[in-house]
Protein backbone atom coordinates (compact mmCIF):
# COMPACT_ATOMS: atom_id res chain seq x y z
CA MET A 1 84.95 31.70 46.70
CA ASP A 2 82.05 32.22 49.06
CA CYS A 3 79.76 32.90 46.12
CA GLU A 4 80.72 29.67 44.38
CA ARG A 5 77.85 27.25 44.04
CA MET A 6 78.20 24.15 46.16
CA ASP A 7 76.40 22.01 43.60
CA SER A 8 78.57 23.10 40.66
CA LEU A 9 79.82 20.32 38.39
CA ASP A 10 83.01 22.11 37.42
CA GLY A 11 85.93 19.73 37.73
CA TRP A 12 83.69 16.67 37.90
CA VAL A 13 83.61 13.94 35.30
CA ALA A 14 80.95 11.38 34.44
CA ILE A 15 82.01 7.75 34.85
CA LYS A 16 80.47 5.05 32.71
CA SER A 17 78.00 2.86 34.55
CA ASN A 18 79.48 -0.24 32.90
CA ALA A 19 83.11 0.84 33.17
CA PHE A 20 84.20 -2.40 34.82
CA GLU A 21 81.91 -4.84 33.05
CA GLU A 22 83.69 -7.72 31.34
CA ASN A 23 82.01 -9.27 28.34
CA GLU A 24 84.71 -11.92 27.96
CA THR A 25 86.41 -14.11 30.53
CA PHE A 26 90.20 -14.02 30.59
CA LYS A 27 92.54 -16.22 32.56
CA LEU A 28 95.32 -14.23 34.24
CA GLY A 29 98.51 -15.75 35.60
CA PHE A 30 100.56 -13.90 38.25
CA ILE A 31 104.25 -14.51 38.95
CA VAL A 32 105.75 -12.85 42.03
CA GLN A 33 109.44 -12.91 42.97
CA TRP A 34 111.61 -11.01 45.40
CA ASN A 35 114.09 -8.58 43.82
CA VAL A 36 117.17 -8.62 46.06
CA ILE A 37 118.78 -5.56 44.46
CA GLU A 38 115.74 -3.27 44.71
CA CYS A 39 114.37 -4.99 47.82
CA LYS A 40 110.93 -5.02 46.19
CA PHE A 41 108.46 -7.54 44.85
CA ALA A 42 108.58 -8.06 41.08
CA VAL A 43 105.00 -8.76 39.93
CA THR A 44 104.39 -10.08 36.42
CA CYS A 45 100.95 -10.75 34.97
CA HIS A 46 100.23 -12.74 31.80
CA ASN A 47 96.89 -12.90 30.01
CA ARG A 48 96.92 -16.58 29.12
CA THR A 49 93.74 -16.41 27.06
CA LEU A 50 95.00 -13.62 24.80
CA GLN A 51 98.36 -15.30 24.46
CA ARG A 52 96.74 -18.48 23.16
CA GLN A 53 94.58 -16.48 20.76
CA LYS A 54 97.60 -14.50 19.62
CA ARG A 55 99.42 -17.68 18.69
CA LYS A 56 96.49 -18.74 16.51
CA GLN A 57 95.91 -15.38 14.82
CA GLU A 58 98.87 -13.09 15.21
CA LEU A 59 97.53 -10.46 12.81
CA GLY A 60 94.32 -9.78 14.69
CA LEU A 61 95.88 -9.43 18.14
CA ALA A 62 99.29 -8.07 17.23
CA ASP A 63 98.73 -4.72 19.00
CA THR A 64 96.98 -6.16 22.05
CA GLU A 65 98.92 -6.05 25.31
CA THR A 66 99.09 -9.46 26.97
CA SER A 67 101.70 -9.02 29.73
CA TRP A 68 102.39 -6.46 32.46
CA ALA A 69 105.18 -6.11 35.01
CA GLY A 70 106.18 -3.82 37.87
CA LEU A 71 108.23 -3.46 41.09
CA TYR A 72 106.35 -2.87 44.33
CA SER A 73 107.47 -2.26 47.87
CA VAL A 74 105.51 -3.51 50.83
CA THR A 75 103.95 -0.05 51.24
CA ASP A 76 102.86 -0.02 47.59
CA LEU A 77 101.24 -3.41 47.94
CA ARG A 78 99.40 -2.30 51.05
CA ASN A 79 98.05 0.73 49.19
CA VAL A 80 96.89 -1.53 46.39
CA HIS A 81 95.28 -3.79 48.98
CA ARG A 82 93.49 -0.79 50.48
CA GLN A 83 92.02 0.10 47.07
CA LEU A 84 90.91 -3.45 46.37
CA THR A 85 89.29 -3.89 49.77
CA GLY A 86 87.29 -0.76 49.03
CA VAL A 87 85.68 -2.75 46.23
CA GLY A 88 85.45 -6.10 48.03
CA ASP A 89 85.77 -6.44 51.83
CA VAL A 90 86.20 -10.20 51.55
CA LEU A 91 89.80 -9.67 50.40
CA GLU A 92 90.92 -8.45 53.84
CA PRO A 93 92.03 -11.84 55.27
CA TYR A 94 93.76 -12.94 52.05
CA PHE A 95 96.54 -10.33 52.14
CA PRO A 96 99.73 -11.92 53.57
CA ASN A 97 101.74 -10.53 56.46
CA LEU A 98 104.71 -8.69 54.92
CA SER A 99 106.00 -6.90 58.03
CA ASP A 100 109.24 -8.91 57.97
CA LEU A 101 110.02 -7.69 54.46
CA GLU A 102 109.63 -3.97 55.10
CA GLY A 103 112.55 -1.66 54.45
CA GLY A 104 115.16 -0.74 57.09
CA ASN A 105 114.49 1.69 59.92
CA LEU A 106 116.28 4.86 60.99
CA TRP A 107 119.14 2.91 62.65
CA ASP A 108 119.93 1.16 59.38
CA LEU A 109 120.35 4.53 57.70
CA LEU A 110 122.62 5.87 60.49
CA PHE A 111 124.75 2.79 60.77
CA LEU A 112 125.46 1.59 57.24
CA ASN A 113 127.51 -1.37 58.45
CA ARG A 114 124.53 -2.72 60.31
CA THR A 115 123.17 -5.94 58.77
CA SER A 116 119.51 -5.70 57.69
CA SER A 117 117.01 -8.47 58.23
CA LEU A 118 116.47 -8.71 54.45
CA ASP A 119 120.11 -9.72 53.91
CA ASP A 120 119.68 -12.91 55.91
CA PRO A 121 120.33 -15.77 53.44
CA GLU A 122 118.25 -18.21 55.47
CA LYS A 123 115.14 -16.03 55.38
CA ASP A 124 112.13 -17.59 53.58
CA LEU A 125 111.23 -15.31 50.67
CA ASP A 126 109.34 -17.81 48.55
CA THR A 127 106.31 -18.22 50.83
CA PRO A 128 105.25 -14.52 50.70
CA CYS A 129 105.60 -14.59 46.93
CA ARG A 130 103.30 -17.59 46.61
CA GLN A 131 100.83 -15.98 49.02
CA LEU A 132 100.78 -12.81 46.94
CA GLU A 133 100.13 -14.82 43.77
CA LYS A 134 97.17 -16.47 45.45
CA TYR A 135 95.98 -13.06 46.74
CA PHE A 136 96.06 -11.47 43.27
CA SER A 137 94.19 -14.41 41.73
CA THR A 138 91.52 -14.10 44.43
CA ALA A 139 91.33 -10.33 43.84
CA VAL A 140 90.65 -10.94 40.13
CA ASP A 141 87.75 -13.25 41.04
CA VAL A 142 86.30 -10.76 43.54
CA CYS A 143 86.95 -7.34 41.97
CA GLY A 144 87.36 -8.14 38.32
CA ARG A 145 90.20 -8.10 35.85
CA LYS A 146 90.10 -4.40 34.96
CA ILE A 147 90.17 -3.10 38.55
CA VAL A 148 93.09 -5.32 39.55
CA LEU A 149 95.15 -4.47 36.48
CA ASP A 150 94.45 -0.73 36.79
CA SER A 151 95.36 -0.78 40.48
CA LEU A 152 98.63 -2.62 39.95
CA PHE A 153 99.93 -1.27 36.67
CA VAL A 154 100.08 2.36 35.59
CA GLN A 155 97.72 3.30 32.76
CA ASP A 156 98.25 6.15 30.32
CA VAL A 157 95.83 9.05 29.85
CA ARG A 158 94.13 7.41 26.87
CA ASP A 159 93.25 4.33 28.91
CA VAL A 160 91.94 6.47 31.77
CA GLU A 161 89.64 8.39 29.41
CA GLU A 162 87.97 5.12 28.47
CA TYR A 163 86.22 5.19 31.85
CA PHE A 164 84.70 8.65 31.22
CA GLU A 165 81.36 9.24 29.60
CA ASN A 166 80.96 11.41 26.55
CA LEU A 167 79.04 14.36 28.00
CA HIS A 168 76.84 14.74 24.94
CA GLU A 169 75.96 11.04 24.86
CA PHE A 170 75.62 10.97 28.65
CA LYS A 171 73.12 13.82 28.68
CA LYS A 172 71.23 12.33 25.75
CA LYS A 173 71.01 8.94 27.47
CA THR A 174 69.89 10.57 30.72
CA MET A 175 67.06 12.44 29.00
CA GLU A 176 66.05 9.33 27.10
CA ASP A 177 65.86 7.41 30.38
CA GLN A 178 63.63 10.15 31.79
CA VAL A 179 61.27 9.79 28.83
CA ILE A 180 61.17 6.02 29.31
CA ARG A 181 60.39 6.41 33.03
CA ALA A 182 57.60 8.89 32.24
CA LYS A 183 56.09 6.40 29.79
CA GLU A 184 56.22 3.65 32.39
CA THR A 185 54.54 5.89 34.96
CA LEU A 186 51.72 6.72 32.54
CA ARG A 187 51.33 3.04 31.65
CA GLU A 188 51.03 2.11 35.34
CA VAL A 189 48.33 4.73 35.87
CA LEU A 190 46.39 3.46 32.85
CA GLN A 191 46.45 -0.04 34.31
CA GLN A 192 44.43 1.20 37.29
CA HIS A 193 41.31 1.66 35.13
CA LYS A 194 40.50 -2.04 35.39
CA SER A 195 40.09 -1.90 39.17
CA ALA A 196 38.12 1.39 39.24
CA ASP A 197 34.41 0.69 39.79
CA LYS A 198 33.36 4.05 41.22
CA MET A 199 33.23 7.45 39.58
CA VAL A 200 35.02 9.16 42.45
CA LEU A 201 37.95 6.79 42.19
CA LEU A 202 37.95 7.16 38.41
CA LEU A 203 38.12 10.94 38.61
CA LYS A 204 41.11 10.60 40.92
CA ILE A 205 42.80 8.34 38.36
CA TYR A 206 42.06 10.92 35.66
CA ASP A 207 43.89 13.56 37.67
CA GLU A 208 46.88 11.24 38.01
CA GLU A 209 46.77 10.59 34.26
CA ASP A 210 46.84 14.31 33.53
CA GLU A 211 49.87 14.78 35.77
CA ALA A 212 51.66 11.80 34.20
CA TYR A 213 50.92 13.05 30.69
CA LYS A 214 52.18 16.54 31.54
CA GLU A 215 55.38 15.04 32.89
CA LEU A 216 55.79 12.96 29.73
CA VAL A 217 55.26 15.99 27.50
CA THR A 218 57.74 18.03 29.55
CA VAL A 219 60.59 15.51 29.47
CA ALA A 220 59.89 14.59 25.84
CA THR A 221 59.98 18.26 24.85
CA GLN A 222 63.29 18.74 26.64
CA PHE A 223 64.74 15.62 25.04
CA TYR A 224 63.71 16.48 21.49
CA GLN A 225 64.72 20.12 21.93
CA TYR A 226 68.15 18.86 22.94
CA LEU A 227 68.25 16.70 19.81
CA LEU A 228 67.13 19.61 17.63
CA GLN A 229 69.58 22.18 18.97
CA PRO A 230 72.72 21.05 17.06
CA PHE A 231 70.83 21.00 13.77
CA ARG A 232 69.31 24.40 14.44
CA ASP A 233 72.78 25.78 15.14
CA MET A 234 74.09 24.24 11.94
CA ARG A 235 71.21 25.70 9.95
CA GLU A 236 71.78 29.18 11.33
CA LEU A 237 75.53 28.92 10.82
CA ALA A 238 75.16 27.68 7.25
CA MET A 239 72.72 30.44 6.35
CA LEU A 240 75.00 33.06 7.91
CA TYR A 241 78.05 31.88 5.96
CA LYS A 242 76.03 31.67 2.78
CA MET A 243 74.83 35.26 3.19
CA GLU A 244 78.38 36.46 3.81
CA ILE A 245 79.59 34.69 0.68
CA MET A 246 76.78 36.13 -1.42
CA LYS A 247 77.61 39.65 -0.16
CA SER A 248 81.25 39.11 -1.03
CA LEU A 249 80.33 37.94 -4.52
CA GLU A 250 78.07 40.95 -5.04
CA PHE A 251 80.21 43.79 -3.74
CA ASP A 252 83.86 42.63 -3.85
CA ASP A 253 86.05 42.75 -6.94
CA LEU A 254 87.20 39.15 -7.26
CA GLY A 255 88.93 37.06 -9.86
CA PRO A 256 87.34 34.15 -11.71
CA LYS A 257 89.10 31.48 -9.62
CA ARG A 258 88.05 33.14 -6.37
CA ILE A 259 84.48 33.50 -7.63
CA ALA A 260 84.35 29.81 -8.55
CA ALA A 261 85.74 28.83 -5.14
CA LEU A 262 83.21 31.01 -3.31
CA GLU A 263 80.32 29.67 -5.36
CA LYS A 264 81.38 26.13 -4.56
CA GLU A 265 81.64 27.00 -0.86
CA ALA A 266 78.21 28.66 -0.94
CA GLU A 267 76.73 25.52 -2.49
CA ASP A 268 78.38 23.43 0.21
CA TRP A 269 76.86 25.57 2.96
CA ARG A 270 73.48 25.39 1.24
CA MET A 271 73.64 21.59 1.25
CA ARG A 272 74.53 21.62 4.93
CA ALA A 273 71.55 23.84 5.70
CA GLU A 274 69.24 21.52 3.77
CA ASP A 275 70.58 18.48 5.63
CA ALA A 276 69.99 20.26 8.94
CA VAL A 277 66.40 21.07 7.90
CA ARG A 278 65.79 17.43 6.96
CA SER A 279 67.04 16.27 10.35
CA ILE A 280 64.84 18.84 12.12
CA GLN A 281 61.77 17.62 10.23
CA ASP A 282 62.49 13.98 11.01
CA ILE A 283 62.96 14.67 14.73
CA THR A 284 59.76 16.74 14.80
CA VAL A 285 57.82 13.85 13.27
CA ASN A 286 59.17 11.48 15.94
CA TYR A 287 58.14 13.86 18.73
CA PHE A 288 54.53 14.12 17.57
CA VAL A 289 54.38 10.37 17.10
CA GLU A 290 55.20 9.91 20.81
CA THR A 291 52.68 12.47 22.08
CA ALA A 292 49.88 11.31 19.77
CA LYS A 293 50.45 7.70 20.80
CA ALA A 294 50.21 8.59 24.50
CA LEU A 295 46.99 10.58 23.97
CA ALA A 296 45.47 7.75 21.91
CA GLY A 297 46.05 5.33 24.80
CA ILE A 298 44.46 7.69 27.33
CA LEU A 299 41.45 8.33 25.08
CA LYS A 300 40.95 4.61 24.47
CA HIS A 301 40.78 3.83 28.18
CA MET A 302 38.41 6.72 28.81
CA GLU A 303 36.02 5.58 26.07
CA GLU A 304 36.01 2.13 27.67
CA ASP A 305 35.17 3.73 31.02
CA LYS A 306 32.25 5.57 29.45
CA LYS A 307 30.49 2.26 28.79
CA LYS A 308 30.53 1.41 32.52
CA PHE A 309 28.55 4.43 33.71
CA GLY A 310 25.28 6.09 32.85
CA PRO A 311 24.78 9.57 31.36
CA ALA A 312 24.18 11.24 34.72
CA SER A 313 27.32 9.81 36.29
CA TRP A 314 29.40 10.43 33.22
CA ALA A 315 28.38 14.09 32.96
CA SER A 316 31.22 15.06 35.30
CA ALA A 317 33.83 13.39 33.05
CA ALA A 318 32.36 14.45 29.69
CA PRO A 319 34.35 17.72 29.43
CA ARG A 320 37.61 15.80 29.89
CA LEU A 321 36.67 13.37 27.13
CA GLU A 322 35.97 16.26 24.75
CA LYS A 323 39.26 17.88 25.72
CA LEU A 324 41.15 14.64 25.04
CA LYS A 325 39.58 14.31 21.61
CA PHE A 326 40.54 17.88 20.81
CA MET A 327 44.14 17.35 22.00
CA LEU A 328 44.51 14.08 20.10
CA ALA A 329 43.21 15.62 16.88
CA LYS A 330 45.56 18.57 17.35
CA GLU A 331 48.66 16.40 17.96
CA THR A 332 47.80 14.11 15.07
CA LEU A 333 47.25 17.12 12.84
CA GLN A 334 50.71 18.46 13.69
CA HIS A 335 52.19 15.03 13.06
CA MET A 336 50.58 14.85 9.63
CA ARG A 337 51.74 18.34 8.72
CA ALA A 338 55.30 17.48 9.69
CA LYS A 339 55.01 14.33 7.58
CA GLU A 340 53.67 16.43 4.72
CA MET A 341 56.82 18.57 4.84
CA CYS A 342 58.95 15.43 4.64
CA LEU A 343 57.04 14.20 1.60
CA ASN A 344 57.33 17.57 -0.12
CA ARG A 345 61.07 17.39 0.50
CA LYS A 346 61.15 13.92 -1.00
CA LYS A 347 59.31 15.16 -4.09
CA GLU A 348 61.76 18.03 -4.44
CA ASP A 349 64.71 15.63 -4.26
CA ILE A 350 63.18 13.45 -6.98
CA ARG A 351 62.54 16.51 -9.14
CA ASN A 352 66.15 17.62 -8.75
CA SER A 353 67.37 14.15 -9.69
CA MET A 354 65.20 14.18 -12.80
CA GLY A 355 66.55 17.61 -13.72
CA SER A 356 70.14 16.41 -13.40
CA LEU A 357 69.38 13.44 -15.68
CA ALA A 358 67.59 15.52 -18.31
CA ASP A 359 70.85 16.61 -19.96
CA GLN A 360 72.29 13.11 -20.12
CA ARG A 361 71.80 10.68 -22.95
CA ASP A 362 70.68 7.09 -22.49
CA SER A 363 68.94 8.03 -19.25
CA MET A 364 65.32 7.42 -20.21
CA GLU A 365 65.04 4.32 -18.03
CA ALA A 366 66.34 6.19 -14.98
CA VAL A 367 63.97 9.10 -15.69
CA ASP A 368 61.02 6.72 -15.99
CA GLU A 369 61.95 5.09 -12.70
CA LEU A 370 62.20 8.48 -10.97
CA GLU A 371 58.87 9.49 -12.47
CA MET A 372 57.21 6.41 -10.98
CA GLN A 373 58.75 7.24 -7.61
CA TYR A 374 57.41 10.76 -7.95
CA TYR A 375 53.89 9.45 -8.58
CA GLU A 376 54.15 7.16 -5.56
CA ALA A 377 55.32 10.05 -3.37
CA GLN A 378 52.45 12.18 -4.67
CA LEU A 379 49.92 9.46 -3.85
CA GLU A 380 51.36 9.14 -0.36
CA LEU A 381 51.14 12.91 -0.02
CA TYR A 382 47.46 12.80 -0.95
CA ASP A 383 46.88 10.20 1.78
CA VAL A 384 48.59 12.49 4.29
CA LYS A 385 46.44 15.42 3.16
CA PHE A 386 43.35 13.29 3.66
CA GLU A 387 44.52 12.57 7.20
CA ILE A 388 45.07 16.29 7.75
CA LEU A 389 41.50 17.04 6.63
CA LYS A 390 40.22 14.21 8.78
CA ASN A 391 41.91 15.59 11.89
CA GLU A 392 40.80 19.12 11.08
CA GLU A 393 37.27 17.77 10.92
CA LEU A 394 37.79 15.98 14.23
CA LEU A 395 38.89 19.26 15.76
CA LEU A 396 35.72 20.92 14.50
CA LEU A 397 33.58 18.02 15.70
CA ALA A 398 35.10 18.25 19.17
CA GLN A 399 34.31 21.96 19.27
CA ILE A 400 30.81 21.34 17.85
CA ASP A 401 30.10 18.73 20.54
CA THR A 402 31.26 21.15 23.21
CA VAL A 403 29.05 23.96 21.91
CA ARG A 404 26.03 21.67 21.59
CA ARG A 405 26.55 20.41 25.14
CA GLN A 406 26.71 24.00 26.40
CA ILE A 407 23.53 24.89 24.50
CA LYS A 408 21.79 21.83 25.93
CA GLU A 409 22.86 22.69 29.47
CA LEU A 410 21.68 26.26 29.00
CA LYS A 411 18.30 25.08 27.75
CA GLU A 412 17.89 22.50 30.51
CA GLU A 413 18.92 24.89 33.22
CA VAL A 414 16.44 24.62 36.12
CA VAL A 415 14.92 27.93 37.29
CA TYR A 416 13.18 28.13 40.64
CA TYR A 417 10.43 30.77 41.14
CA ASP A 418 8.91 32.23 44.23
CA THR A 419 5.30 31.65 44.95
CA CYS A 420 2.91 33.90 43.02
CA GLU A 421 -0.54 34.82 44.28
CA ASN A 422 -1.52 36.60 41.11
CA PRO A 423 -1.80 34.51 37.88
CA GLU A 424 -0.75 37.54 35.84
CA GLU A 425 2.63 37.60 37.58
CA LEU A 426 3.16 33.94 36.65
CA GLN A 427 2.48 34.70 33.00
CA MET A 428 4.96 37.54 33.13
CA GLU A 429 7.65 35.17 34.53
CA GLU A 430 7.03 32.66 31.75
CA ALA A 431 7.35 35.43 29.14
CA GLY A 432 10.67 36.48 30.70
CA ARG A 433 11.88 32.89 30.54
CA LEU A 434 11.05 32.74 26.84
CA ARG A 435 13.01 35.93 26.30
CA ASP A 436 15.97 34.36 28.14
CA SER A 437 16.13 31.64 25.45
CA SER A 438 17.28 34.35 23.08
CA SER A 439 19.84 35.72 25.52
CA PRO A 440 23.24 36.97 24.31
CA ALA A 441 24.96 33.79 25.58
CA MET A 442 22.57 31.59 23.62
CA LYS A 443 22.96 33.75 20.52
CA SER A 444 26.73 33.60 20.79
CA LEU A 445 26.69 29.81 21.10
CA CYS A 446 24.35 29.44 18.13
CA ARG A 447 26.51 31.77 16.06
CA ARG A 448 29.61 29.78 17.04
CA LEU A 449 27.89 26.52 16.10
CA GLN A 450 26.94 27.90 12.70
CA GLN A 451 30.52 29.00 12.00
CA LEU A 452 31.86 25.58 12.91
CA GLU A 453 29.35 23.88 10.64
CA THR A 454 30.40 26.18 7.78
CA LYS A 455 34.05 25.29 8.28
CA ARG A 456 33.12 21.62 8.30
CA GLY A 457 31.35 22.06 4.97
CA SER A 458 34.44 23.67 3.45
CA ILE A 459 36.51 20.73 4.66
CA CYS A 460 34.14 18.35 2.90
CA ALA A 461 34.52 20.36 -0.31
CA ARG A 462 38.31 20.26 -0.03
CA ARG A 463 38.17 16.51 0.55
CA ALA A 464 36.13 16.04 -2.62
CA TYR A 465 38.64 18.15 -4.59
CA LEU A 466 41.56 16.11 -3.23
CA ARG A 467 39.76 12.89 -4.06
CA ASN A 468 39.42 13.96 -7.68
CA LYS A 469 43.08 14.94 -7.83
CA LYS A 470 44.09 11.63 -6.31
CA ASP A 471 42.00 9.73 -8.84
CA GLN A 472 43.70 11.61 -11.66
CA CYS A 473 47.11 10.88 -10.18
CA MET A 474 46.23 7.19 -9.82
CA ASP A 475 45.07 7.07 -13.44
CA ALA A 476 48.29 8.70 -14.60
CA ASN A 477 50.34 6.31 -12.48
CA GLU A 478 48.49 3.29 -13.86
CA GLN A 479 48.94 4.63 -17.39
CA LYS A 480 52.66 5.00 -16.73
CA HIS A 481 52.89 1.44 -15.46
CA LYS A 482 50.97 0.19 -18.50
CA GLN A 483 53.33 2.05 -20.83
CA ALA A 484 56.32 0.56 -19.05
CA GLN A 485 54.80 -2.92 -19.32
CA GLN A 486 53.97 -2.42 -23.01
CA SER A 487 57.49 -1.20 -23.76
CA THR A 488 58.88 -4.27 -22.02
CA GLU A 489 56.60 -6.56 -24.02
CA ARG A 490 57.53 -4.72 -27.22
CA PHE A 491 61.20 -5.12 -26.45
CA LEU A 492 60.75 -8.81 -25.80
CA HIS A 493 58.72 -9.22 -29.01
CA HIS A 494 61.22 -7.45 -31.25
CA HIS A 495 64.16 -9.24 -29.73
CA SER A 496 62.59 -12.66 -29.43
CA VAL A 497 64.48 -13.94 -32.52
CA GLN A 498 67.78 -12.81 -31.08
CA LEU A 499 66.87 -14.26 -27.74
CA LYS A 500 65.98 -17.59 -29.35
CA ARG A 501 69.24 -17.57 -31.31
CA GLU A 502 71.20 -16.90 -28.17
CA GLN A 503 69.24 -19.59 -26.37
CA LYS A 504 69.99 -22.06 -29.17
CA LYS A 505 73.69 -21.17 -29.03
CA GLU A 506 73.64 -21.75 -25.32
CA GLU A 507 71.94 -25.13 -25.78
CA ASP A 508 74.45 -26.14 -28.50
CA LYS A 509 77.29 -25.11 -26.26
CA GLN A 510 75.90 -27.19 -23.41
CA ARG A 511 75.35 -30.16 -25.75
CA LYS A 512 78.91 -29.89 -27.05
CA GLU A 513 80.27 -29.75 -23.55
CA TRP A 514 78.24 -32.85 -22.67
CA VAL A 515 79.51 -34.70 -25.77
CA ASP A 516 83.09 -33.78 -24.94
CA GLN A 517 82.63 -35.03 -21.41
CA GLU A 518 81.14 -38.30 -22.62
CA ARG A 519 83.96 -38.76 -25.17
CA GLU A 520 86.56 -38.11 -22.52
CA ARG A 521 84.86 -40.56 -20.18
CA THR A 522 84.73 -43.22 -22.93
CA LEU A 523 88.39 -42.74 -23.80
CA ASN A 524 89.33 -43.09 -20.18
CA ARG A 525 87.40 -46.36 -19.93
CA LEU A 526 89.10 -47.70 -23.08
CA LYS A 527 92.49 -46.69 -21.78
CA ALA A 528 91.81 -48.45 -18.51
CA PHE A 529 90.62 -51.56 -20.36
CA ARG A 530 93.76 -51.67 -22.52
CA GLU A 531 95.97 -51.33 -19.49
CA LYS A 532 94.11 -54.16 -17.82
CA ARG A 533 94.21 -56.55 -20.84
CA GLN A 534 97.65 -56.93 -22.40
CA GLY A 535 96.46 -59.03 -25.37
CA GLN A 536 96.36 -57.72 -28.97
CA LEU A 537 93.67 -58.19 -31.60
CA VAL A 538 94.83 -58.39 -35.28
CA LEU A 539 92.54 -58.64 -38.32
CA LYS A 540 94.31 -60.49 -41.18
CA ALA A 541 93.28 -59.97 -44.80
CA PRO A 542 93.26 -62.96 -47.27
CA ARG A 543 96.32 -61.81 -49.22
CA SER A 544 98.34 -61.00 -46.14
CA GLN A 545 98.90 -64.69 -45.36
CA PRO A 546 102.29 -65.00 -47.18
CA ALA A 547 103.51 -62.02 -45.25
CA ALA A 548 102.43 -63.70 -42.08
CA ARG A 549 104.85 -66.55 -42.81
CA THR A 550 107.74 -64.09 -42.74
CA VAL A 551 106.95 -63.09 -39.18
CA PRO A 552 109.89 -64.11 -37.02
CA PRO A 553 109.17 -66.61 -34.32
CA PRO A 554 108.45 -65.21 -30.89
CA GLU A 555 111.20 -64.94 -28.39
CA PRO A 556 111.60 -67.79 -25.95
CA SER A 557 110.89 -65.48 -23.09
CA GLN A 558 107.44 -64.62 -24.54
CA PRO A 559 105.93 -67.76 -26.20
CA MET A 560 102.71 -67.16 -28.11
CA SER A 561 99.90 -69.57 -29.03
CA ILE A 562 98.39 -69.28 -32.49
CA ILE A 563 94.77 -70.14 -33.07
CA SER A 564 93.46 -70.10 -36.60
CA LEU A 565 89.79 -69.38 -37.05
CA THR A 566 89.89 -70.25 -40.79
CA PRO A 567 87.54 -73.18 -41.56
CA SER A 568 89.59 -76.17 -42.70
CA PRO A 569 89.29 -79.98 -42.56
CA GLU A 570 90.54 -81.79 -39.52
CA GLY A 571 94.03 -83.29 -39.77
CA PRO A 572 97.60 -82.38 -39.26
CA GLY A 573 97.44 -79.87 -42.13
CA ALA A 574 94.57 -77.92 -40.72
CA GLY A 575 96.74 -74.88 -40.30
CA VAL A 576 97.34 -74.58 -44.13
CA PRO A 577 94.52 -72.97 -46.11
CA SER A 578 92.97 -74.97 -48.99
CA LYS A 579 93.60 -73.80 -52.60
CA LYS A 580 90.45 -75.43 -54.07
CA LYS A 581 88.03 -73.03 -52.44
CA SER A 582 85.77 -70.99 -54.59
CA PRO A 583 86.78 -67.35 -54.92
CA LYS A 584 83.21 -66.31 -54.03
CA LYS A 585 83.63 -67.68 -50.53
CA LYS A 586 86.87 -65.86 -49.89
CA LYS A 587 84.96 -62.71 -49.02
CA ASP A 588 83.00 -64.56 -46.36
CA ASN A 589 85.80 -66.65 -44.91
CA ILE A 590 88.32 -64.11 -43.60
CA PRO A 591 91.14 -65.80 -41.69
CA VAL A 592 91.76 -64.24 -38.24
CA GLN A 593 94.69 -65.03 -35.99
CA ILE A 594 94.57 -64.18 -32.28
CA PHE A 595 97.84 -64.04 -30.40
CA LEU A 596 97.27 -64.93 -26.76
CA PRO A 597 99.80 -64.93 -23.91
CA PRO A 598 101.05 -68.23 -22.65
CA GLY A 599 98.76 -70.11 -20.33
CA SER A 600 95.53 -68.65 -21.75
CA ALA A 601 94.94 -71.60 -24.15
CA GLY A 602 93.84 -75.01 -22.91
CA ALA A 603 96.54 -77.49 -21.86
CA SER A 604 95.13 -80.28 -24.08
CA SER A 605 95.49 -78.30 -27.36
CA PRO A 606 98.43 -79.65 -29.47
CA PRO A 607 101.06 -77.18 -30.58
CA PRO A 608 100.67 -75.94 -34.18
CA PRO A 609 103.10 -77.21 -36.84
CA PRO A 610 106.06 -75.01 -37.64
CA LEU A 611 105.74 -72.55 -40.50
CA PRO A 612 107.55 -73.47 -43.75
CA PRO A 613 110.64 -71.44 -44.59
CA PRO A 614 110.16 -68.58 -46.98
CA ALA A 615 110.66 -69.33 -50.67
């Protein structure tokens, strides 16, 4: 026990920082009554807000608890009060005095016949209950709903675990916060460049920048290593299981069903390993994005500072600028290489998809679509390769600038000589100085410079080769798009007649529907008109007049007025047609009788003569 670490976290748990935060406001109602049998306070709490919502939508809140209840002695309530005052000291004066309601003492236990103070019927028990209700409502306002409910009512283990942090997520969030703080620190240091007007102060800021960047790289490396570790473990585990399965398939005597099951399991582990590798590549890309972004910000501010000072003053900061360029090119190069791996993986996935569709019929459209995606991925890969060459060239340029600066400093090195009385000695010193220009250090620097220039030339040649390959890929991609467009136009051309026929059918169908709607609307108007007008219109032919005489007279309850539109001379016999008319005019003069309801004719019109009896 003496050797146990005092700072060990064994037995400790991480509590959520927002464990008692309440996103929604709930109205709680407390009801407190004195239980005479148990001699305790019965406390009931109702969540009024949830109860109202439950009435409106019973399905959504059916499993939600809305009421709680419990029995508490005076000692229990004091313990609860002690917990709540630990959260809010302002609750201390709100707790009522319950000393009169405490349980019996030792004498009550010895003498059972002794009357307790709680059995007094005249004792006021309602006032403490109302005071407790007010106290609990105040505690909810001060401490919060969750703390009050958890202090009063017992929670199960599942509810208690809701307050604990997931250790994996907790550690991840802690490391992420460290990365964010490191970024903020570096950003604050970079803001000091605006106020720096002296080189001494600027060099001090550069030292602070270096420390801040190192801290950022350290915490970012720890964070991303923590993110990578589960996927690395999965990759190793999957490869191990796959190797064991392959050994079993090779050396063990197995049946066909067992072989098929093991092959399926091996394929499953292979897919898991590939998924782990994909995740590792994605996380690696994100890491280099962060570091390259930080270096780009530092380099940008330093290049702006270079414009404020002359060459002599800036000579002390020039090595740092070259170092920053080298580091930025290196980080960007690693970022591009990680991105190149992701694009190669994407191309491999597209190739596998095309291979799976090769054996299927009617899959030409899907294959063409995948082929276009493959061309696009290849073009993006060429862009990434160009960036890789660009950053490799930047690395070489940073090294070339450093070597040239060293050669320049070596050539401009000031040499002080002692006084010479003999001119021959002075000539000998000058000859030695000329020999120093071809010293081993100078030769080494010149050789190094020549090697760097050669590598730069090879990079230019590779860039030209990639440019030609990219142009060929772009031509093939454009040709593929043109073929797809031509096939679409050909399809539309060959099927234009069918499309026109279908379009005409659709137009005829719409026209028919419109005609049916108009006919239905017209019939409805006619029906409404007939219901509104109760009169009848009858067209009478010339030879139907004798039959008209046989029409029985209208009932007395429905008298009708008869108006004859047949042209006839005025007189009492105007209602009888003339027999002397020419037969040619019978076609033009068609007699029409209109039967109108009573009251529609004028009051001054005389009634028509009665019809003669039938012969």
